[in-house]
Amino acid sequence: MAFPSARKDEIGKIGSGEIIGNVGVVSTYTVFEEALKGGRFVKMNTAGDGVDLIDASATPTIAGVAKREVSSALEDGGTYTAANSNIVDVIESGVVTVDVVGGLTIAKFDPVYVENLTALDYGKATTASTAGNVLVDGYFYKEVDTNVWAIRIK
């Protein structure tokens, strides 16, 4: 059987909450707030032993992006609950797909901020440097679908 020799340089249209490639740091938490969404940023909880939803906190410590759990019932747009998972994987660095606030004009290498102002968009990536949003050490890399971008987190 012959295999094609051409290489695909495009990132396929995948949902948010996926790590791209095999380089990155992923931490696993057994303590997490109900309703975390894969593909959105999460913050450390006040005890420092788990992760919580982004919620307009004054100075949240961003833990990373909740990874979509492909081996459980959690699907794109789904949420982590005690009923469907006992762990949450959080991508701390690498190239990862994230939900993005709708209606933005984004260019490759734009800085990434975490939406921390609008309840409907909490935890999504944005380019808005508005006071209250949180700057992440990373940049937008490539759009992979409508309101889903691959970002590089350092």
Protein backbone atom coordinates (compact mmCIF):
# COMPACT_ATOMS: atom_id res chain seq x y z
CA MET A 1 0.00 0.00 0.00
CA ALA A 2 1.40 3.37 -0.99
CA PHE A 3 1.10 6.37 1.28
CA PRO A 4 0.77 9.89 -0.07
CA SER A 5 4.04 11.79 0.10
CA ALA A 6 2.41 15.22 0.26
CA ARG A 7 2.20 16.91 3.61
CA LYS A 8 -0.84 18.83 4.73
CA ASP A 9 0.21 22.21 6.13
CA GLU A 10 -3.27 23.31 7.08
CA ILE A 11 -4.74 22.79 10.52
CA GLY A 12 -7.99 20.92 10.04
CA LYS A 13 -11.25 22.32 11.33
CA ILE A 14 -11.35 20.97 14.84
CA GLY A 15 -13.23 22.16 17.86
CA SER A 16 -11.82 24.23 20.67
CA GLY A 17 -9.94 22.67 23.55
CA GLU A 18 -7.51 20.60 21.49
CA ILE A 19 -3.75 20.64 21.73
CA ILE A 20 -2.04 20.65 18.34
CA GLY A 21 1.14 18.65 18.06
CA ASN A 22 2.86 16.81 20.86
CA VAL A 23 4.67 19.70 22.51
CA GLY A 24 2.99 21.36 25.44
CA VAL A 25 2.29 21.18 29.13
CA VAL A 26 -0.98 19.69 30.36
CA SER A 27 -1.90 19.53 34.05
CA THR A 28 -4.69 17.41 35.50
CA TYR A 29 -6.98 18.67 38.28
CA THR A 30 -9.41 16.67 40.38
CA VAL A 31 -10.79 19.83 41.99
CA PHE A 32 -12.79 21.96 39.56
CA GLU A 33 -15.82 24.20 39.46
CA GLU A 34 -18.91 22.76 37.79
CA ALA A 35 -19.67 23.94 34.24
CA LEU A 36 -16.09 24.47 33.01
CA LYS A 37 -16.11 24.46 29.22
CA GLY A 38 -13.49 22.80 27.07
CA GLY A 39 -11.76 25.35 24.86
CA ARG A 40 -12.06 28.23 27.31
CA PHE A 41 -9.52 29.66 29.73
CA VAL A 42 -9.80 28.75 33.40
CA LYS A 43 -8.27 30.29 36.51
CA MET A 44 -6.73 28.82 39.62
CA ASN A 45 -9.14 28.61 42.56
CA THR A 46 -8.43 30.56 45.75
CA ALA A 47 -7.00 27.48 47.51
CA GLY A 48 -4.58 26.90 44.62
CA ASP A 49 -5.51 23.21 44.32
CA GLY A 50 -7.99 23.36 41.44
CA VAL A 51 -9.48 25.42 38.64
CA ASP A 52 -12.55 27.63 38.36
CA LEU A 53 -14.52 29.47 35.71
CA ILE A 54 -13.46 32.95 34.67
CA ASP A 55 -15.95 35.22 36.45
CA ALA A 56 -14.88 38.89 36.42
CA SER A 57 -12.51 38.38 39.36
CA ALA A 58 -10.28 41.40 39.91
CA THR A 59 -6.95 39.56 39.57
CA PRO A 60 -7.45 36.00 38.30
CA THR A 61 -4.45 33.71 37.88
CA ILE A 62 -4.93 32.07 34.50
CA ALA A 63 -4.21 28.33 34.69
CA GLY A 64 -4.60 27.63 30.96
CA VAL A 65 -7.26 26.27 28.60
CA ALA A 66 -9.59 23.44 29.62
CA LYS A 67 -8.91 20.56 27.25
CA ARG A 68 -11.86 18.97 25.53
CA GLU A 69 -12.14 15.49 26.98
CA VAL A 70 -12.53 13.25 23.95
CA SER A 71 -12.78 10.00 25.89
CA SER A 72 -15.86 11.00 27.86
CA ALA A 73 -19.33 12.26 27.06
CA LEU A 74 -18.07 15.84 26.86
CA GLU A 75 -18.44 17.11 23.30
CA ASP A 76 -17.59 20.44 21.67
CA GLY A 77 -19.38 23.13 23.63
CA GLY A 78 -20.04 20.73 26.50
CA THR A 79 -19.24 21.35 30.13
CA TYR A 80 -17.36 19.48 32.83
CA THR A 81 -19.58 18.29 35.66
CA ALA A 82 -19.15 15.73 38.43
CA ALA A 83 -21.58 13.56 36.47
CA ASN A 84 -19.40 13.31 33.35
CA SER A 85 -15.84 13.61 34.63
CA ASN A 86 -13.74 13.34 37.76
CA ILE A 87 -10.77 15.22 36.26
CA VAL A 88 -10.09 18.26 34.10
CA ASP A 89 -7.01 18.51 31.90
CA VAL A 90 -5.73 22.07 31.49
CA ILE A 91 -3.36 23.01 28.68
CA GLU A 92 -0.79 25.41 30.12
CA SER A 93 1.49 25.83 27.11
CA GLY A 94 1.76 24.84 23.47
CA VAL A 95 -0.51 25.37 20.47
CA VAL A 96 -4.13 24.95 21.49
CA THR A 97 -7.52 25.71 19.95
CA VAL A 98 -9.73 28.13 21.86
CA ASP A 99 -13.15 29.74 21.63
CA VAL A 100 -12.87 33.37 20.55
CA VAL A 101 -15.24 36.27 21.18
CA GLY A 102 -17.34 36.72 18.03
CA GLY A 103 -17.03 39.69 15.69
CA LEU A 104 -13.31 40.32 16.15
CA THR A 105 -10.80 41.09 13.43
CA ILE A 106 -7.77 39.04 14.40
CA ALA A 107 -4.39 38.84 12.72
CA LYS A 108 -1.66 36.27 13.19
CA PHE A 109 0.62 37.22 16.12
CA ASP A 110 -1.97 39.48 17.79
CA PRO A 111 -1.65 39.20 21.59
CA VAL A 112 -4.18 37.02 23.43
CA TYR A 113 -6.33 38.35 26.25
CA VAL A 114 -8.86 36.38 28.31
CA GLU A 115 -12.38 37.82 28.27
CA ASN A 116 -13.15 38.65 31.90
CA LEU A 117 -15.81 41.34 31.45
CA THR A 118 -18.81 39.93 29.57
CA ALA A 119 -20.56 36.99 31.25
CA LEU A 120 -21.60 35.31 28.01
CA ASP A 121 -17.98 35.31 26.80
CA TYR A 122 -16.10 34.59 30.06
CA GLY A 123 -12.97 32.56 29.36
CA LYS A 124 -12.92 33.10 25.60
CA ALA A 125 -9.86 34.53 23.87
CA THR A 126 -10.03 38.13 22.68
CA THR A 127 -7.82 40.87 21.30
CA ALA A 128 -9.46 43.48 23.54
CA SER A 129 -6.95 44.96 25.98
CA THR A 130 -9.78 46.55 27.97
CA ALA A 131 -9.07 46.96 31.68
CA GLY A 132 -10.34 43.80 33.37
CA ASN A 133 -9.37 41.43 30.57
CA VAL A 134 -6.24 39.40 31.32
CA LEU A 135 -3.18 39.32 29.05
CA VAL A 136 -1.80 35.83 28.34
CA ASP A 137 1.81 35.15 27.37
CA GLY A 138 0.90 34.02 23.88
CA TYR A 139 -0.40 35.01 20.48
CA PHE A 140 -3.04 34.14 17.90
CA TYR A 141 -1.67 31.70 15.35
CA LYS A 142 -4.34 30.60 12.88
CA GLU A 143 -8.10 30.59 12.51
CA VAL A 144 -9.34 26.99 12.34
CA ASP A 145 -13.10 27.58 12.27
CA THR A 146 -15.63 30.32 12.93
CA ASN A 147 -14.77 31.78 16.35
CA VAL A 148 -12.14 29.08 16.96
CA TRP A 149 -8.46 29.93 16.71
CA ALA A 150 -5.22 28.09 17.32
CA ILE A 151 -3.14 30.12 19.75
CA ARG A 152 0.39 29.64 21.02
CA ILE A 153 0.71 29.86 24.79
CA LYS A 154 4.27 30.24 26.05
